[in-house]
C-alpha atoms as a PDB file:
ATOM      1  CA  MET A   1     166.631 269.778  56.891  1.00  0.00           C
ATOM      2  CA  ARG A   2     169.812 270.294  54.903  1.00  0.00           C
ATOM      3  CA  ARG A   3     169.465 266.863  53.352  1.00  0.00           C
ATOM      4  CA  ARG A   4     165.849 267.555  52.376  1.00  0.00           C
ATOM      5  CA  GLY A   5     166.926 270.811  50.701  1.00  0.00           C
ATOM      6  CA  ARG A   6     169.552 268.975  48.637  1.00  0.00           C
ATOM      7  CA  MET A   7     166.973 266.392  47.610  1.00  0.00           C
ATOM      8  CA  ILE A   8     164.593 269.134  46.443  1.00  0.00           C
ATOM      9  CA  VAL A   9     167.358 270.875  44.474  1.00  0.00           C
ATOM     10  CA  THR A  10     168.405 267.552  42.945  1.00  0.00           C
ATOM     11  CA  ALA A  11     164.808 266.747  41.986  1.00  0.00           C
ATOM     12  CA  LEU A  12     164.332 270.189  40.420  1.00  0.00           C
ATOM     13  CA  LEU A  13     167.596 269.871  38.496  1.00  0.00           C
ATOM     14  CA  ALA A  14     166.593 266.416  37.266  1.00  0.00           C
ATOM     15  CA  ALA A  15     163.213 267.771  36.127  1.00  0.00           C
ATOM     16  CA  VAL A  16     164.846 270.657  34.239  1.00  0.00           C
ATOM     17  CA  LEU A  17     167.329 268.308  32.542  1.00  0.00           C
ATOM     18  CA  ALA A  18     164.569 265.843  31.624  1.00  0.00           C
ATOM     19  CA  LEU A  19     162.449 268.641  30.156  1.00  0.00           C
ATOM     20  CA  SER A  20     165.347 270.004  28.093  1.00  0.00           C
ATOM     21  CA  GLY A  21     166.165 266.479  26.875  1.00  0.00           C
ATOM     22  CA  TRP A  22     162.534 265.965  25.871  1.00  0.00           C
ATOM     23  CA  LYS A  23     162.524 269.231  23.913  1.00  0.00           C
ATOM     24  CA  ALA A  24     165.759 268.241  22.131  1.00  0.00           C
ATOM     25  CA  ALA A  25     164.369 264.801  21.308  1.00  0.00           C
ATOM     26  CA  ARG A  26     161.172 266.359  19.984  1.00  0.00           C
ATOM     27  CA  ALA A  27     163.207 268.755  17.788  1.00  0.00           C
ATOM     28  CA  SER A  28     165.279 265.909  16.344  1.00  0.00           C
ATOM     29  CA  VAL A  29     162.122 263.981  15.460  1.00  0.00           C
ATOM     30  CA  ALA A  30     160.798 267.044  13.619  1.00  0.00           C
ATOM     31  CA  ILE A  31     164.045 267.301  11.653  1.00  0.00           C
ATOM     32  CA  THR A  32     164.041 263.627  10.635  1.00  0.00           C
ATOM     33  CA  ARG A  33     160.368 263.737   9.673  1.00  0.00           C
ATOM     34  CA  ALA A  34     160.752 266.531   7.104  1.00  0.00           C
ATOM     35  CA  PRO A  35     162.491 264.462   4.403  1.00  0.00           C
ATOM     36  CA  ARG A  36     160.265 261.457   5.087  1.00  0.00           C
ATOM     37  CA  ALA A  37     157.167 263.620   4.701  1.00  0.00           C
ATOM     38  CA  GLY A  38     158.497 264.784   1.325  1.00  0.00           C
ATOM     39  CA  GLU A  39     159.165 261.197   0.280  1.00  0.00           C
ATOM     40  CA  GLN A  40     155.702 260.040   1.298  1.00  0.00           C
ATOM     41  CA  ALA A  41     154.156 262.901  -0.645  1.00  0.00           C
ATOM     42  CA  GLY A  42     156.328 261.982  -3.619  1.00  0.00           C
ATOM     43  CA  LEU A  43     157.912 265.421  -3.723  1.00  0.00           C
ATOM     44  CA  ALA A  44     161.343 266.834  -3.143  1.00  0.00           C
ATOM     45  CA  THR A  45     161.791 268.587   0.161  1.00  0.00           C
ATOM     46  CA  ALA A  46     162.557 272.192  -0.756  1.00  0.00           C
ATOM     47  CA  ARG A  47     165.923 273.541   0.330  1.00  0.00           C
ATOM     48  CA  ALA A  48     168.092 276.481  -0.543  1.00  0.00           C
ATOM     49  CA  ALA A  49     171.372 275.447   1.059  1.00  0.00           C
ATOM     50  CA  SER A  50     174.612 276.530  -0.566  1.00  0.00           C
ATOM     51  CA  ILE A  51     177.004 273.738  -1.396  1.00  0.00           C
ATOM     52  CA  ARG A  52     179.996 274.057   0.911  1.00  0.00           C
ATOM     53  CA  THR A  53     183.060 272.442  -0.582  1.00  0.00           C
ATOM     54  CA  ARG A  54     186.738 273.179  -0.748  1.00  0.00           C
ATOM     55  CA  ALA A  55     188.235 274.541  -3.949  1.00  0.00           C
ATOM     56  CA  GLY A  56     189.754 271.736  -5.975  1.00  0.00           C
ATOM     57  CA  GLY A  57     187.890 269.079  -3.969  1.00  0.00           C
ATOM     58  CA  PRO A  58     185.995 266.287  -5.691  1.00  0.00           C
ATOM     59  CA  LEU A  59     182.633 268.060  -5.209  1.00  0.00           C
ATOM     60  CA  ALA A  60     183.762 271.502  -6.438  1.00  0.00           C
ATOM     61  CA  GLU A  61     182.623 270.735  -9.992  1.00  0.00           C
ATOM     62  CA  ILE A  62     179.068 270.130  -8.741  1.00  0.00           C
ATOM     63  CA  ALA A  63     179.103 273.408  -6.810  1.00  0.00           C
ATOM     64  CA  ARG A  64     179.949 275.225 -10.064  1.00  0.00           C
ATOM     65  CA  ALA A  65     177.209 273.531 -12.103  1.00  0.00           C
ATOM     66  CA  GLU A  66     174.452 275.773 -13.378  1.00  0.00           C
ATOM     67  CA  ARG A  67     171.942 272.913 -13.005  1.00  0.00           C
ATOM     68  CA  ALA A  68     172.557 269.366 -11.881  1.00  0.00           C
ATOM     69  CA  VAL A  69     170.823 266.264 -10.617  1.00  0.00           C
ATOM     70  CA  VAL A  70     172.984 264.458  -8.071  1.00  0.00           C
ATOM     71  CA  PHE A  71     172.423 260.841  -7.079  1.00  0.00           C
ATOM     72  CA  VAL A  72     174.043 260.077  -3.688  1.00  0.00           C
ATOM     73  CA  TYR A  73     174.509 256.348  -3.201  1.00  0.00           C
ATOM     74  CA  THR A  74     176.395 253.718  -1.272  1.00  0.00           C
ATOM     75  CA  PRO A  75     177.168 250.504  -3.183  1.00  0.00           C
ATOM     76  CA  ASP A  76     176.176 248.202  -0.306  1.00  0.00           C
ATOM     77  CA  CYS A  77     172.872 250.008   0.406  1.00  0.00           C
ATOM     78  CA  SER A  78     169.892 247.766  -0.376  1.00  0.00           C
ATOM     79  CA  VAL A  79     167.561 250.771  -0.788  1.00  0.00           C
ATOM     80  CA  CYS A  80     170.031 252.266  -3.306  1.00  0.00           C
ATOM     81  CA  HIS A  81     169.878 249.016  -5.294  1.00  0.00           C
ATOM     82  CA  ALA A  82     166.073 249.064  -5.153  1.00  0.00           C
ATOM     83  CA  ASN A  83     166.116 252.701  -6.326  1.00  0.00           C
ATOM     84  CA  MET A  84     168.463 251.983  -9.259  1.00  0.00           C
ATOM     85  CA  ALA A  85     165.560 251.381 -11.661  1.00  0.00           C
ATOM     86  CA  ASN A  86     164.276 254.891 -10.869  1.00  0.00           C
ATOM     87  CA  TRP A  87     167.719 256.405 -11.407  1.00  0.00           C
ATOM     88  CA  ILE A  88     168.121 254.503 -14.708  1.00  0.00           C
ATOM     89  CA  ASP A  89     164.753 255.919 -15.799  1.00  0.00           C
ATOM     90  CA  LEU A  90     165.918 259.455 -14.977  1.00  0.00           C
ATOM     91  CA  VAL A  91     169.306 259.040 -16.656  1.00  0.00           C
ATOM     92  CA  GLY A  92     167.552 257.793 -19.796  1.00  0.00           C
ATOM     93  CA  ALA A  93     165.201 260.773 -19.784  1.00  0.00           C
ATOM     94  CA  LEU A  94     167.774 263.439 -18.909  1.00  0.00           C
ATOM     95  CA  ARG A  95     171.007 262.359 -20.632  1.00  0.00           C
ATOM     96  CA  GLY A  96     172.172 264.672 -23.363  1.00  0.00           C
ATOM     97  CA  GLY A  97     170.032 267.505 -21.968  1.00  0.00           C
ATOM     98  CA  THR A  98     171.018 270.741 -20.326  1.00  0.00           C
ATOM     99  CA  VAL A  99     171.209 269.356 -16.791  1.00  0.00           C
ATOM    100  CA  ALA A 100     174.447 267.727 -15.579  1.00  0.00           C
ATOM    101  CA  LEU A 101     174.125 264.270 -14.007  1.00  0.00           C
ATOM    102  CA  TYR A 102     176.378 263.274 -11.111  1.00  0.00           C
ATOM    103  CA  ALA A 103     176.591 260.191  -8.917  1.00  0.00           C
ATOM    104  CA  VAL A 104     178.327 260.755  -5.580  1.00  0.00           C
ATOM    105  CA  SER A 105     179.479 257.953  -3.325  1.00  0.00           C
ATOM    106  CA  PRO A 106     180.942 258.386   0.143  1.00  0.00           C
ATOM    107  CA  ALA A 107     182.554 254.931  -0.219  1.00  0.00           C
ATOM    108  CA  ASP A 108     185.858 254.738  -2.068  1.00  0.00           C
ATOM    109  CA  THR A 109     185.674 251.101  -3.095  1.00  0.00           C
ATOM    110  CA  PRO A 110     185.869 249.239  -6.413  1.00  0.00           C
ATOM    111  CA  ALA A 111     182.138 248.486  -5.994  1.00  0.00           C
ATOM    112  CA  ALA A 112     181.362 252.218  -5.734  1.00  0.00           C
ATOM    113  CA  ARG A 113     183.275 252.914  -8.944  1.00  0.00           C
ATOM    114  CA  ALA A 114     181.626 249.993 -10.796  1.00  0.00           C
ATOM    115  CA  TYR A 115     178.106 250.623  -9.435  1.00  0.00           C
ATOM    116  CA  TRP A 116     176.854 252.610 -12.449  1.00  0.00           C
ATOM    117  CA  GLY A 117     178.301 250.218 -15.052  1.00  0.00           C
ATOM    118  CA  GLY A 118     177.449 251.297 -18.607  1.00  0.00           C
ATOM    119  CA  LEU A 119     175.640 254.401 -17.374  1.00  0.00           C
ATOM    120  CA  GLU A 120     178.981 255.903 -16.365  1.00  0.00           C
ATOM    121  CA  ARG A 121     179.242 257.506 -19.811  1.00  0.00           C
ATOM    122  CA  HIS A 122     176.097 259.550 -18.980  1.00  0.00           C
ATOM    123  CA  VAL A 123     176.656 260.106 -15.248  1.00  0.00           C
ATOM    124  CA  ARG A 124     179.811 261.654 -13.826  1.00  0.00           C
ATOM    125  CA  VAL A 125     180.816 259.424 -10.885  1.00  0.00           C
ATOM    126  CA  VAL A 126     182.453 261.287  -7.994  1.00  0.00           C
ATOM    127  CA  ILE A 127     183.938 259.688  -4.888  1.00  0.00           C
ATOM    128  CA  ALA A 128     184.230 261.861  -1.773  1.00  0.00           C
ATOM    129  CA  ALA A 129     184.730 261.192   1.917  1.00  0.00           C
ATOM    130  CA  PRO A 130     181.511 260.838   3.945  1.00  0.00           C
ATOM    131  CA  ALA A 131     182.289 263.979   5.968  1.00  0.00           C
ATOM    132  CA  GLU A 132     182.787 265.961   2.767  1.00  0.00           C
ATOM    133  CA  VAL A 133     179.495 264.717   1.276  1.00  0.00           C
ATOM    134  CA  HIS A 134     177.690 265.660   4.477  1.00  0.00           C
ATOM    135  CA  ARG A 135     179.376 269.085   4.692  1.00  0.00           C
ATOM    136  CA  ALA A 136     178.760 269.915   1.036  1.00  0.00           C
ATOM    137  CA  PHE A 137     175.173 268.726   0.668  1.00  0.00           C
ATOM    138  CA  GLY A 138     173.852 268.147   4.174  1.00  0.00           C
ATOM    139  CA  VAL A 139     173.122 264.540   3.223  1.00  0.00           C
ATOM    140  CA  ALA A 140     173.407 261.978   5.995  1.00  0.00           C
ATOM    141  CA  ALA A 141     171.526 259.068   4.376  1.00  0.00           C
ATOM    142  CA  THR A 142     171.466 257.229   1.068  1.00  0.00           C
ATOM    143  CA  PRO A 143     169.886 257.066  -1.384  1.00  0.00           C
ATOM    144  CA  ALA A 144     169.375 260.762  -1.938  1.00  0.00           C
ATOM    145  CA  THR A 145     168.518 262.591  -5.140  1.00  0.00           C
ATOM    146  CA  LEU A 146     169.471 266.273  -5.091  1.00  0.00           C
ATOM    147  CA  LEU A 147     168.358 269.088  -7.346  1.00  0.00           C
ATOM    148  CA  VAL A 148     171.203 271.619  -7.661  1.00  0.00           C
ATOM    149  CA  ARG A 149     171.067 275.050  -9.234  1.00  0.00           C
ATOM    150  CA  ASP A 150     173.778 277.731  -9.186  1.00  0.00           C
ATOM    151  CA  GLY A 151     175.810 276.251  -6.342  1.00  0.00           C
ATOM    152  CA  ALA A 152     172.913 275.469  -4.014  1.00  0.00           C
ATOM    153  CA  VAL A 153     170.817 272.401  -3.266  1.00  0.00           C
ATOM    154  CA  ARG A 154     167.260 273.451  -4.184  1.00  0.00           C
ATOM    155  CA  GLY A 155     165.546 270.168  -3.376  1.00  0.00           C
ATOM    156  CA  GLU A 156     166.249 266.696  -2.055  1.00  0.00           C
ATOM    157  CA  ILE A 157     164.474 263.382  -2.113  1.00  0.00           C
ATOM    158  CA  ILE A 158     165.650 260.889   0.498  1.00  0.00           C
ATOM    159  CA  GLY A 159     164.956 257.222  -0.173  1.00  0.00           C
ATOM    160  CA  SER A 160     163.331 255.576  -3.163  1.00  0.00           C
ATOM    161  CA  LEU A 161     161.856 257.825  -5.815  1.00  0.00           C
ATOM    162  CA  THR A 162     158.125 257.729  -6.365  1.00  0.00           C
ATOM    163  CA  ALA A 163     156.606 258.404  -9.795  1.00  0.00           C
ATOM    164  CA  ALA A 164     155.683 261.907  -8.611  1.00  0.00           C
ATOM    165  CA  ALA A 165     159.264 262.551  -7.474  1.00  0.00           C
ATOM    166  CA  ARG A 166     160.660 261.394 -10.827  1.00  0.00           C
ATOM    167  CA  ALA A 167     158.247 263.761 -12.588  1.00  0.00           C
ATOM    168  CA  GLN A 168     159.419 266.582 -10.335  1.00  0.00           C
ATOM    169  CA  VAL A 169     163.068 265.863 -11.209  1.00  0.00           C
ATOM    170  CA  ARG A 170     162.170 265.925 -14.914  1.00  0.00           C
ATOM    171  CA  ARG A 171     160.406 269.297 -14.494  1.00  0.00           C
ATOM    172  CA  PHE A 172     163.451 270.680 -12.671  1.00  0.00           C
ATOM    173  CA  ALA A 173     165.707 269.487 -15.510  1.00  0.00           C
ATOM    174  CA  ALA A 174     163.452 271.076 -18.139  1.00  0.00           C
ATOM    175  CA  GLU A 175     163.340 274.532 -16.485  1.00  0.00           C
END
């Protein structure tokens, strides 16, 4: 009888743990789907998250920007390379305007510094540790294009930019 009672308690505990694990897994799927849904729709996923960075850190300048478009990239990311044509299009359209352009890489390598080539005169390249990029912007994947206003990320586009997303970035820059 005692053994049967332990088996019932063990089975109930296993069921409770499985149910809580299923709920957590379902929640994580919902979180990862939000940016992808925005990408598929060709629109930035709306956010209003303050940029959290340390004073004097490499990302502090972005946090102080009135308006900025931030390209987060990794030099060995094939999707970043495929997205480069979209970023070049945006840099060409936005350079010399009122919006600041930044490129942030969580990889401190010569390739990360050389990635933007001749565009470096129009885009401020910033290198920061991966943990700092994640803490400041909430970005865990590249490529990401962020719309920043008054120290907060107002929108993000994860992955390659669609034509609709590029138009949305241009509208943000023109506001």
